[in-house]
Amino acid sequence: MNRSSGANANASFVSKSAFEFLAVDDGEESEEDQIEDSAQSQPERSVWHAPVVPSSFERASEVSEEKRREQPRSIDVEQAIKPTTTQDAERTKKRQNLLTRTLWTFIMIGGFIGLLLMGHVYMIILVMLCQTLVYREVTALFSLKGAAPESSDVETKGKKDPWSKTLNWYFFAVTNYFLYGESIIYYFKHVVFADGQLLPFATNHRIISFTLYTIGFMGFVMSLKRGYLKQQFGLFCWVHMSLLLIVVSSHFIVNNILEGLIWFWVPASLVICNDVFAYVWGITLGRTPLIKLSPKKTVEGFIGAFWSTLIFSVAWGTYFMRFNYMICPVHDLGVSAWSKVACTPNPVFVWHEWVIWAPLRVFLSQLLGRPVTVIPYVPYQFHLLVFAIFASLVAPFGGFFASGFKRAFNIKDFGHSIPGHGGMTDRMDCQFLMGVFTYVYYSSLIREHHVTVGSILQMIVSGLTLEEQLELMKDLRRYMQGRGITTV
């Protein structure tokens, strides 16, 4: 009996354990059974449970849920890292641009001073090089490449630009020949009219220049093609405008060099000085925009640069007027800063003394502790103030004009001739205007108009026949002998 009851108990235990195992394995255990099992569980007795394996749908939903939770975090991290990376790249780029700009600034200043010391001819070559680069940059903005024909009956495939660069540069060369030929004849009459080989070119210079221009004009008319007429005439006007603003202005700058390096060096320095002071005062006190074409220009920088340039001009110009190499007009293109140059200085470089008004004289003497009766000055200092005013108030508008020009063509710089500074036009926009003003002001108010050997020789060669020239030589020899001067 005991055995049967034990067997029954064992059978019931086995059947119950098997049923529980199957129930757990199928994952269908009721909530009451789970509570009962947890209540009856003892520390020393553990019941093994099979792992619950989720279905494929549950796994996919859990993965998608994790992705949704992690995605905003990844986006936030990317958005936080991206601005930092962009800002670092911009800082690195600005730092590199600043270093490049500073390096080439010193290179240009050093090269400019070196050419200045080497002589007038090197400065003329520099001006001609600058004008060539500017002309190339400006004329490149207007091109017929890729221009659509005006009428549909024009075959464009396989055809080149109807306006070739040949005529473009031909007009440039003819204009330079005419203008610089005029300068050479004017400033070197004593050489040109005394040389038999150069005499035909000197006496017929203008008719030769006009003939060359006429050839170019005829070549332009012959190059006209149907379907491109509007573009070709537009480019024709564009080229002539560039010649007027660039080549003619450079011609005046070269004349300033030939009149004396100081008339080129000091005005150009004042423009650079004004630009530097405008930047310094602008970043220091600038708050009010000056003009919409140049948003970075401020009223405070404009006014501060004006007063700074006035003070700088007097000190700068007074220092360089002490050297004959700077103030003497050129008569020999072979001179340099180490050559002995002598000339009669222009009256504007002669020192004068201004007698101080008596009450002011007493006041200044008591204030300084020594007698002060006169103030030394040179008229050139008053002209320096005029140049400084123009460089501060008018010359910057050449830069504004160039800014509007670039906005019209939607470009940042005219070119990449100078690393870190853009094109040559970006650096010469104000210099052209300043150079023209300096020449007009000097030739109208400062230059001395007197008879020279070259001008007399030009009159003799151009106005007298060969017989009259021989007669003049006899009369001149007789005059010299009458004064006791022997001639060969």
Foldseek 3Di string as FASTA:
>chain_A
DVVVVVVVVVVVVVVVVVVVLVCLVVVPDDPVVVVVCVVPDDPVDDDDGDDDDDDPVVVVVVVVVVCVVCVVVVVVVCVVVVVVVVVVVVVVVVVVLVVQQVVLVVVVVVVVVVQQQQFLVSVLVVLVVLLVQVLVLQLVLQACVPPFFQDPVDDDPPDDGLDDCPLLVLVVVLLLQLLVLVVCCVQALVPQLVDPVNVVCNLCVVVVSVVSVVVSVVVLVVSDDHRCNVSSVVSVVSSVVSCVLRVVLSSLLSSLSQQFQLLNVLLLVLLVQLVVQLVVQCVVPFDAADDPLDRSGGPRSLVRSLVVSLVVLLVVSLVVLVDQNGFHRDHDRNDGNPDDDDDDGFQQSDKDKAFDDVVVQVVVCVVVVHGDGIDIDGNVSVVSNVSSNCSRPPLVVLLSVVSVVCVVSVHDASACPRRSQGGSCNVCSSVSVSSVVSSVCCVVPGDDDDDDPSVVSVCCSNPDDPVVNVVVVVVVCVVCVVVVHHDD
